[in-house]
Protein backbone atom coordinates (compact mmCIF):
# COMPACT_ATOMS: atom_id res chain seq x y z
CA MET A 1 -30.04 -32.19 8.66
CA PRO A 2 -32.48 -30.60 6.58
CA GLU A 3 -31.53 -27.33 8.65
CA ALA A 4 -27.97 -27.59 7.96
CA SER A 5 -28.69 -28.41 4.33
CA SER A 6 -30.54 -25.35 4.11
CA THR A 7 -28.13 -23.14 5.81
CA LEU A 8 -25.25 -24.31 3.39
CA ASN A 9 -27.57 -23.85 -0.01
CA LEU A 10 -27.98 -20.25 1.40
CA ALA A 11 -24.19 -19.82 2.09
CA LEU A 12 -23.66 -21.13 -1.23
CA LEU A 13 -26.16 -18.56 -2.75
CA LEU A 14 -24.72 -15.69 -0.96
CA THR A 15 -21.23 -16.69 -2.09
CA SER A 16 -22.43 -16.67 -5.36
CA VAL A 17 -24.11 -13.63 -5.79
CA PHE A 18 -21.53 -11.40 -4.00
CA ALA A 19 -18.88 -12.99 -6.24
CA LEU A 20 -20.99 -11.72 -9.44
CA ALA A 21 -21.95 -8.30 -7.89
CA LEU A 22 -18.09 -8.24 -7.07
CA VAL A 23 -17.14 -9.14 -10.91
CA ALA A 24 -19.98 -7.07 -12.60
CA SER A 25 -19.26 -3.74 -10.37
CA VAL A 26 -15.32 -4.15 -11.22
CA LEU A 27 -15.79 -4.66 -15.00
CA LEU A 28 -18.19 -1.67 -15.00
CA ARG A 29 -15.91 0.39 -13.21
CA LEU A 30 -12.99 -0.22 -15.53
CA TRP A 31 -15.11 0.16 -18.35
CA LEU A 32 -16.20 3.53 -17.29
CA SER A 33 -12.74 4.44 -16.23
CA SER A 34 -11.32 3.26 -19.97
CA ARG A 35 -14.21 5.52 -21.56
CA GLN A 36 -12.91 8.62 -19.63
CA ILE A 37 -9.35 8.27 -20.33
CA ARG A 38 -10.28 7.48 -23.92
CA HIS A 39 -12.73 10.58 -24.44
CA VAL A 40 -10.54 13.23 -22.49
CA ALA A 41 -7.54 12.10 -24.66
CA GLN A 42 -9.03 12.56 -27.95
CA HIS A 43 -10.35 16.32 -26.86
CA ARG A 44 -6.90 17.43 -25.51
CA ALA A 45 -5.56 19.04 -28.30
CA MET A 46 -8.25 21.69 -28.63
CA VAL A 47 -10.05 23.95 -26.28
CA PRO A 48 -13.61 23.30 -26.77
CA ALA A 49 -15.30 26.41 -28.53
CA PRO A 50 -17.31 27.97 -25.59
CA PHE A 51 -14.33 28.11 -23.30
CA ALA A 52 -11.96 29.04 -26.04
CA ARG A 53 -11.81 32.65 -24.74
CA SER A 54 -11.68 31.97 -21.18
CA ILE A 55 -9.06 28.83 -20.67
CA SER A 56 -5.71 28.60 -22.60
CA LEU A 57 -4.73 25.54 -24.01
CA ALA A 58 -1.97 25.11 -21.89
CA ALA A 59 -4.63 24.87 -18.84
CA HIS A 60 -6.83 22.54 -20.71
CA GLN A 61 -3.97 20.25 -21.39
CA LYS A 62 -3.23 20.29 -17.81
CA ALA A 63 -6.60 19.42 -16.54
CA ALA A 64 -6.82 16.51 -19.24
CA ASP A 65 -3.46 15.15 -18.11
CA TYR A 66 -4.57 15.69 -14.37
CA THR A 67 -7.96 13.45 -15.19
CA ILE A 68 -6.18 10.82 -16.96
CA ALA A 69 -3.56 10.21 -14.50
CA LYS A 70 -6.32 10.14 -11.67
CA SER A 71 -8.44 7.75 -13.84
CA GLN A 72 -5.32 5.69 -14.06
CA PHE A 73 -4.88 5.76 -10.79
CA GLY A 74 -8.43 5.38 -9.80
CA MET A 75 -8.15 1.74 -11.59
CA LEU A 76 -5.06 0.95 -9.51
CA GLU A 77 -6.96 1.77 -6.50
CA LEU A 78 -9.85 -0.25 -7.82
CA ALA A 79 -7.47 -3.48 -8.08
CA TRP A 80 -6.08 -3.18 -5.07
CA SER A 81 -9.51 -2.47 -2.89
CA THR A 82 -10.86 -5.48 -4.93
CA ALA A 83 -8.24 -7.91 -3.85
CA THR A 84 -8.26 -6.63 -0.09
CA LEU A 85 -11.94 -7.36 0.03
CA MET A 86 -11.54 -10.80 -1.48
CA ALA A 87 -8.64 -11.15 0.90
CA TRP A 88 -10.96 -9.77 3.43
CA THR A 89 -13.78 -12.05 2.65
CA LEU A 90 -14.12 -15.13 0.73
CA LEU A 91 -10.11 -16.05 1.22
CA GLY A 92 -10.37 -15.74 4.74
CA GLY A 93 -8.83 -12.75 6.31
CA LEU A 94 -11.57 -11.58 8.45
CA ASP A 95 -12.05 -15.15 9.93
CA ALA A 96 -8.31 -15.76 10.56
CA LEU A 97 -8.08 -12.06 12.48
CA ASN A 98 -11.10 -12.93 14.66
CA GLN A 99 -9.97 -17.01 15.23
CA ALA A 100 -6.25 -15.49 16.23
CA LEU A 101 -7.88 -12.60 18.66
CA LEU A 102 -10.38 -15.39 19.89
CA GLY A 103 -7.48 -17.40 20.64
CA TRP A 104 -5.52 -14.74 22.46
CA LEU A 105 -8.23 -12.62 24.19
CA GLY A 106 -11.35 -15.06 24.56
CA ALA A 107 -14.68 -14.09 23.92
CA GLY A 108 -16.20 -11.16 25.12
CA MET A 109 -16.20 -7.15 24.33
CA VAL A 110 -12.79 -6.89 24.79
CA GLN A 111 -11.73 -9.45 21.96
CA GLN A 112 -15.01 -8.04 19.64
CA LEU A 113 -13.41 -4.18 19.86
CA ALA A 114 -10.01 -5.37 19.11
CA LEU A 115 -11.36 -6.89 16.13
CA LEU A 116 -12.73 -3.78 14.92
CA GLY A 117 -9.59 -1.91 15.88
CA GLY A 118 -7.38 -4.68 14.24
CA PHE A 119 -9.36 -4.32 11.17
CA VAL A 120 -9.12 -0.68 11.04
CA LEU A 121 -5.31 -0.86 11.49
CA ILE A 122 -4.55 -3.16 8.68
CA GLY A 123 -6.84 -1.65 6.36
CA GLY A 124 -5.22 1.59 6.66
CA LEU A 125 -1.78 0.26 6.65
CA LEU A 126 -2.64 -1.37 3.48
CA ASP A 127 -4.06 1.56 2.13
CA LEU A 128 -1.43 3.81 3.34
CA PRO A 129 0.81 3.58 0.33
CA LEU A 130 -1.82 4.41 -2.22
CA SER A 131 -2.52 7.33 -0.41
CA LEU A 132 0.80 8.82 -0.19
CA TYR A 133 1.26 8.30 -3.89
CA GLN A 134 -1.74 10.30 -4.36
CA THR A 135 -0.65 13.26 -2.43
CA PHE A 136 2.84 13.33 -2.82
CA VAL A 137 3.66 12.08 -6.29
CA ILE A 138 0.47 13.06 -8.52
CA GLU A 139 -1.01 15.93 -6.56
CA GLU A 140 2.65 16.92 -6.37
CA ARG A 141 3.20 16.76 -10.01
CA PHE A 142 0.27 18.79 -11.20
CA GLY A 143 1.16 21.66 -8.34
CA PHE A 144 -1.57 20.94 -6.22
CA ASN A 145 0.23 19.21 -2.85
CA LYS A 146 1.29 21.84 -0.57
CA ILE A 147 1.45 19.42 2.67
CA THR A 148 4.64 18.77 4.16
CA TRP A 149 5.88 15.05 5.64
CA ARG A 150 5.97 16.77 9.00
CA LEU A 151 2.23 18.25 8.58
CA TRP A 152 0.94 14.95 7.05
CA LEU A 153 2.44 13.02 9.94
CA GLY A 154 0.75 15.21 12.43
CA ASP A 155 -2.53 14.95 10.51
CA LEU A 156 -2.44 11.42 10.88
CA LEU A 157 -1.48 11.01 14.52
CA LYS A 158 -4.11 13.61 15.32
CA SER A 159 -6.64 11.93 13.42
CA SER A 160 -5.71 8.45 14.88
CA LEU A 161 -6.09 9.79 18.37
CA LEU A 162 -9.36 11.27 17.70
CA GLY A 163 -10.26 7.94 16.16
CA VAL A 164 -9.57 6.14 19.26
CA LEU A 165 -11.10 8.71 21.42
CA ILE A 166 -14.42 8.92 19.79
CA GLY A 167 -14.62 5.66 18.11
CA LEU A 168 -13.93 3.45 20.95
CA PRO A 169 -16.80 4.46 22.99
CA LEU A 170 -19.33 4.94 20.04
CA ALA A 171 -17.98 1.04 18.85
CA SER A 172 -18.48 -0.28 22.50
CA LEU A 173 -22.09 1.24 22.95
CA ILE A 174 -23.32 -0.04 19.55
CA LEU A 175 -21.69 -3.55 20.49
CA TRP A 176 -23.51 -3.21 24.01
CA LEU A 177 -26.69 -2.68 22.16
CA MET A 178 -26.32 -5.07 19.66
CA GLY A 179 -26.05 -7.76 22.51
CA SER A 180 -28.51 -6.37 25.02
CA THR A 181 -31.26 -4.88 24.02
CA GLY A 182 -33.24 -7.62 22.27
CA ARG A 183 -34.58 -8.40 18.79
CA PHE A 184 -34.77 -4.65 18.11
CA TRP A 185 -31.54 -3.69 18.75
CA TRP A 186 -30.77 -2.07 15.27
CA LEU A 187 -33.52 0.55 16.00
CA TRP A 188 -31.78 1.72 19.20
CA ALA A 189 -28.19 1.51 17.58
CA TRP A 190 -29.60 3.35 14.56
CA SER A 191 -31.28 6.10 17.28
CA THR A 192 -27.74 6.11 18.68
CA TRP A 193 -26.02 6.76 15.35
CA MET A 194 -28.39 9.02 14.09
CA GLY A 195 -27.95 11.11 17.57
CA PHE A 196 -23.76 10.70 16.97
CA SER A 197 -24.12 12.20 13.54
CA LEU A 198 -26.41 15.37 14.28
CA LEU A 199 -23.90 15.83 17.34
CA MET A 200 -20.75 15.74 15.17
CA MET A 201 -22.34 18.21 12.71
CA VAL A 202 -22.78 20.65 15.89
CA ILE A 203 -19.10 20.24 17.57
CA PHE A 204 -17.01 19.34 14.38
CA PRO A 205 -16.68 23.15 13.16
CA THR A 206 -15.89 24.23 17.00
CA PHE A 207 -13.89 21.56 18.38
CA ILE A 208 -12.44 19.02 15.63
CA ALA A 209 -11.78 21.40 12.70
CA PRO A 210 -9.82 23.50 14.32
CA LEU A 211 -7.53 20.85 15.25
CA PHE A 212 -6.24 20.38 11.66
CA ASN A 213 -6.86 24.03 10.35
CA LYS A 214 -6.41 27.46 11.58
CA PHE A 215 -9.99 29.66 10.94
CA GLN A 216 -9.36 33.26 11.11
CA PRO A 217 -12.45 35.81 10.84
CA LEU A 218 -13.02 37.37 7.63
CA GLU A 219 -10.93 40.51 7.77
CA ASP A 220 -11.77 42.07 4.48
CA GLU A 221 -14.37 44.41 5.59
CA THR A 222 -15.72 45.24 1.85
CA LEU A 223 -15.90 41.74 1.24
CA LYS A 224 -17.79 40.98 4.83
CA ALA A 225 -20.30 43.84 4.10
CA ARG A 226 -21.38 42.44 0.44
CA VAL A 227 -21.44 38.77 2.06
CA THR A 228 -23.57 40.00 5.30
CA ALA A 229 -25.81 41.97 2.93
CA LEU A 230 -26.33 38.73 0.73
CA MET A 231 -27.11 36.52 3.52
CA GLN A 232 -29.71 38.78 4.89
CA ARG A 233 -31.16 39.25 1.48
CA CYS A 234 -31.38 35.47 1.37
CA GLY A 235 -32.68 35.31 4.60
CA PHE A 236 -29.54 33.34 6.14
CA SER A 237 -27.93 34.01 9.30
CA ALA A 238 -24.72 32.08 10.43
CA LYS A 239 -22.58 32.27 13.52
CA GLY A 240 -19.52 33.94 11.79
CA LEU A 241 -17.59 34.20 8.86
CA PHE A 242 -14.02 32.41 8.43
CA VAL A 243 -11.22 31.90 6.15
CA MET A 244 -9.38 28.49 6.45
CA ASP A 245 -5.80 28.20 5.58
CA GLY A 246 -6.20 25.33 2.80
CA SER A 247 -2.98 26.45 1.25
CA ARG A 248 -0.97 24.56 3.70
CA ARG A 249 -2.30 21.45 2.41
CA SER A 250 -3.58 21.96 -1.26
CA ALA A 251 -3.88 24.40 -4.04
CA HIS A 252 -7.62 23.52 -4.65
CA GLY A 253 -9.77 26.24 -3.93
CA ASN A 254 -13.48 26.02 -1.93
CA ALA A 255 -16.22 27.19 0.18
CA TYR A 256 -18.78 25.57 2.47
CA PHE A 257 -21.37 26.00 5.10
CA THR A 258 -20.36 23.66 8.10
CA GLY A 259 -22.47 23.01 11.28
CA PHE A 260 -26.24 22.78 12.42
CA GLY A 261 -28.50 24.82 13.74
CA ALA A 262 -27.26 27.66 15.40
CA ALA A 263 -23.59 26.55 14.94
CA LYS A 264 -23.79 26.97 11.07
CA ARG A 265 -20.54 28.97 9.73
CA VAL A 266 -19.21 29.99 6.56
CA VAL A 267 -15.70 28.77 5.47
CA PHE A 268 -13.78 30.24 2.51
CA PHE A 269 -10.49 28.77 1.69
CA ASP A 270 -7.65 31.54 1.75
CA THR A 271 -6.98 29.93 -1.99
CA LEU A 272 -10.67 30.60 -3.05
CA LEU A 273 -10.42 34.31 -1.77
CA SER A 274 -7.16 34.65 -3.86
CA LYS A 275 -8.38 33.90 -6.98
CA LEU A 276 -12.07 35.45 -7.11
CA SER A 277 -13.36 38.68 -7.35
CA PRO A 278 -15.88 40.26 -5.14
CA ALA A 279 -18.70 39.39 -7.00
CA GLU A 280 -17.72 36.23 -7.68
CA VAL A 281 -17.59 35.50 -4.29
CA ASP A 282 -21.14 36.52 -3.68
CA ALA A 283 -22.27 34.15 -6.79
CA VAL A 284 -20.58 31.41 -5.17
CA LEU A 285 -21.66 32.08 -1.71
CA ALA A 286 -25.47 32.57 -3.36
CA HIS A 287 -25.16 29.00 -4.81
CA GLU A 288 -24.40 27.48 -1.42
CA LEU A 289 -27.31 29.94 -0.08
CA GLY A 290 -29.31 27.76 -2.77
CA HIS A 291 -28.83 24.41 -1.25
CA PHE A 292 -30.06 25.96 2.00
CA LYS A 293 -33.13 27.74 0.43
CA HIS A 294 -34.46 24.59 -1.30
CA LYS A 295 -33.62 22.27 1.60
CA HIS A 296 -31.53 20.07 -0.10
CA ILE A 297 -29.31 19.43 2.99
CA LEU A 298 -32.11 18.81 4.67
CA LYS A 299 -33.71 16.20 2.28
CA ARG A 300 -30.42 14.53 2.11
CA LEU A 301 -30.15 14.41 5.80
CA ILE A 302 -33.53 12.69 5.74
CA GLY A 303 -32.38 10.41 2.79
CA VAL A 304 -29.25 9.23 4.79
CA PHE A 305 -31.69 8.74 7.81
CA ALA A 306 -34.00 6.56 5.92
CA PHE A 307 -31.19 4.63 4.36
CA SER A 308 -29.33 4.09 7.54
CA LEU A 309 -32.49 2.77 9.14
CA ALA A 310 -32.92 0.36 6.46
CA GLY A 311 -29.48 -0.45 6.69
CA PHE A 312 -29.56 -1.22 10.26
CA ALA A 313 -32.61 -3.06 9.87
CA LEU A 314 -31.07 -5.74 7.54
CA LEU A 315 -27.78 -5.75 9.49
CA GLY A 316 -30.47 -6.96 12.48
CA TRP A 317 -31.76 -9.42 10.34
CA VAL A 318 -28.47 -10.77 8.85
CA SER A 319 -26.51 -10.87 12.01
CA GLY A 320 -28.61 -13.71 13.21
CA GLN A 321 -28.05 -15.81 9.92
CA VAL A 322 -25.36 -18.41 10.08
CA TRP A 323 -25.31 -18.61 6.41
CA PHE A 324 -24.47 -14.83 5.70
CA PHE A 325 -20.85 -15.52 7.72
CA ALA A 326 -20.39 -18.83 6.09
CA GLY A 327 -20.96 -17.30 2.69
CA LEU A 328 -18.52 -14.73 3.06
CA GLY A 329 -15.89 -16.56 4.37
CA VAL A 330 -16.27 -16.50 8.21
CA GLN A 331 -16.77 -19.17 10.81
CA PRO A 332 -19.17 -17.66 13.24
CA SER A 333 -19.23 -18.70 16.79
CA LEU A 334 -22.13 -20.61 17.78
CA THR A 335 -22.02 -19.87 21.38
CA GLY A 336 -20.22 -16.29 21.59
CA ALA A 337 -21.05 -13.16 20.18
CA ASN A 338 -20.60 -12.64 16.81
CA ASP A 339 -21.40 -8.81 16.60
CA ALA A 340 -18.32 -7.16 15.56
CA LEU A 341 -18.04 -9.50 12.93
CA ALA A 342 -21.29 -9.14 11.44
CA LEU A 343 -20.63 -5.19 11.40
CA LEU A 344 -17.37 -5.52 9.68
CA LEU A 345 -18.84 -8.37 6.96
CA PHE A 346 -21.72 -5.71 6.40
CA MET A 347 -19.60 -2.72 5.65
CA LEU A 348 -17.70 -4.69 3.37
CA VAL A 349 -20.41 -5.91 1.39
CA VAL A 350 -22.96 -3.40 0.67
CA PRO A 351 -20.94 -0.93 -0.89
CA VAL A 352 -20.90 -3.76 -3.73
CA PHE A 353 -24.25 -3.86 -3.98
CA SER A 354 -24.81 -0.27 -3.39
CA PHE A 355 -22.61 1.02 -6.32
CA PHE A 356 -25.25 0.15 -8.89
CA VAL A 357 -27.74 2.56 -7.59
CA SER A 358 -25.08 5.45 -7.33
CA PRO A 359 -26.18 6.95 -10.57
CA LEU A 360 -29.57 7.74 -9.37
CA MET A 361 -27.76 9.45 -6.18
CA ALA A 362 -25.45 11.41 -8.62
CA ARG A 363 -28.58 12.29 -10.87
CA MET A 364 -30.50 13.51 -7.49
CA SER A 365 -27.09 15.76 -6.80
CA ARG A 366 -26.83 17.24 -10.23
CA ARG A 367 -30.48 18.41 -10.43
CA HIS A 368 -29.76 19.85 -6.58
CA GLU A 369 -26.64 22.09 -8.41
CA PHE A 370 -28.78 23.01 -11.28
CA GLU A 371 -31.63 24.51 -8.81
CA ALA A 372 -28.61 26.29 -6.71
CA ASP A 373 -26.84 27.88 -9.80
CA ALA A 374 -30.52 29.34 -10.80
CA TYR A 375 -30.78 30.60 -7.28
CA ALA A 376 -27.45 32.35 -7.35
CA VAL A 377 -28.53 33.94 -10.64
CA ALA A 378 -31.77 34.93 -8.97
CA GLN A 379 -29.62 36.43 -6.17
CA THR A 380 -26.45 37.88 -7.62
CA ASP A 381 -25.12 37.98 -11.44
CA GLY A 382 -24.87 35.27 -13.45
CA GLN A 383 -21.79 36.33 -15.40
CA ALA A 384 -20.44 36.29 -12.13
CA LEU A 385 -21.18 32.95 -11.25
CA ALA A 386 -19.91 31.97 -14.63
CA SER A 387 -16.52 33.18 -14.47
CA ALA A 388 -16.21 31.95 -10.90
CA LEU A 389 -17.01 28.62 -12.19
CA LEU A 390 -14.67 28.89 -14.94
CA LYS A 391 -11.58 29.82 -12.63
CA LEU A 392 -12.58 26.96 -10.29
CA TYR A 393 -12.68 24.35 -12.83
CA GLU A 394 -9.01 25.97 -14.15
CA ASP A 395 -7.63 26.15 -10.93
CA ASN A 396 -8.97 22.54 -9.79
CA ALA A 397 -7.77 21.18 -13.16
CA SER A 398 -11.52 19.84 -13.57
CA THR A 399 -11.66 18.66 -17.35
CA LEU A 400 -13.84 20.21 -19.60
CA THR A 401 -14.37 17.57 -22.11
CA PRO A 402 -15.38 14.40 -19.53
CA ASP A 403 -16.93 11.29 -21.10
CA PRO A 404 -21.04 11.67 -21.03
CA VAL A 405 -21.41 8.33 -20.02
CA PHE A 406 -18.92 8.62 -16.96
CA ALA A 407 -20.32 11.69 -15.97
CA ASN A 408 -23.77 10.62 -15.88
CA PHE A 409 -22.76 7.73 -13.68
CA TYR A 410 -20.41 9.63 -11.35
CA TYR A 411 -20.81 13.32 -11.29
CA SER A 412 -21.91 14.75 -8.50
CA HIS A 413 -21.83 18.00 -10.22
CA PRO A 414 -22.78 18.87 -14.06
CA PRO A 415 -20.14 19.18 -16.36
CA ALA A 416 -19.02 22.78 -17.08
CA SER A 417 -20.75 22.88 -20.27
CA GLU A 418 -23.90 21.83 -18.77
CA ARG A 419 -23.75 24.50 -16.21
CA LEU A 420 -23.05 27.29 -18.42
CA VAL A 421 -25.37 26.60 -20.84
CA ARG A 422 -27.85 26.79 -17.87
CA LEU A 423 -26.63 30.21 -17.02
CA GLY A 424 -27.05 31.47 -20.62
CA THR A 425 -23.34 31.91 -21.30
């Protein structure tokens, strides 16, 4: 009896802590979004003085309207995601799905995989209307959406098939490790997950990304020569320079490095190359090279490894505690395996608590961006980087007047005004 009473008390405590954290996070998110909407709306009528010569009033107002529309939609998404989270946990949705599958399939690996698959399928269907609205209403309204319904459906089918072909074996392996490797299963599972992540960094650029986009070698010989010279000057090598048909899906522009080790490649969106001059492309690429020079990618990878190890260790502990399940609205099996349940509950609950440390990660990311900007200025023309940033802000309808509190909490990249001040423009 004392043990049962202790379990009940711990379950009630977890329920209370989870509910309080969820309410606090929702209220904080709503407050931050309200500040952002109000601040952007108040500064909509006039282009900030530092940008008056470069950004038209029409472009500034489009960015303001786009930001406000996305923020308002984000509040709707927040309400929906909070409701579905409550439904899965404290209102018993996950427990009901688990019991139904137990009654149909019985206990065992098949039932656990069906639980994971059923959760992913139901969650995807619940989120589908909001995803479609964002793409075909908001992005369409502001002229960014280029994807057709046929292409969207093709992407959905291909991503679903890949999810099954890759996710099913991985999930089976993780569940097997949880049930067969003893007390320290979480260490084996973490090693497996990290190995899989590194493998994906190698195979994604070559085998998976081409299933969704066309990657053509950069054909502009003048630009290729400039980019190659820049990379040689910076001591960087890549497997190739490619142009991606990003315009098939969106008018947003970007450039990025992908791959790992010898599989690294430089990818330019076709939309980016159509808008930037060669000198500006150089500057944007030098910024990305700055991340490698300062080992930002490696530092982030090490951080991911460390946090994921801590997460798996925590999961290894709570997955053996009855109060963990009971406190989150699930009745665990006292005789069979609860591994899939533990995985799902952990993935549902952890973001509620990790949200409160996200400003620290955003701040570190902004510091890395400043360092990459400084590197780009040292390697190329600072004015070219400034003009490229202004074009990207304008073409992507990024507001020039974000709320400072909102930006400090969320932004992984510094606001335009701060970046340009650092660049001396």
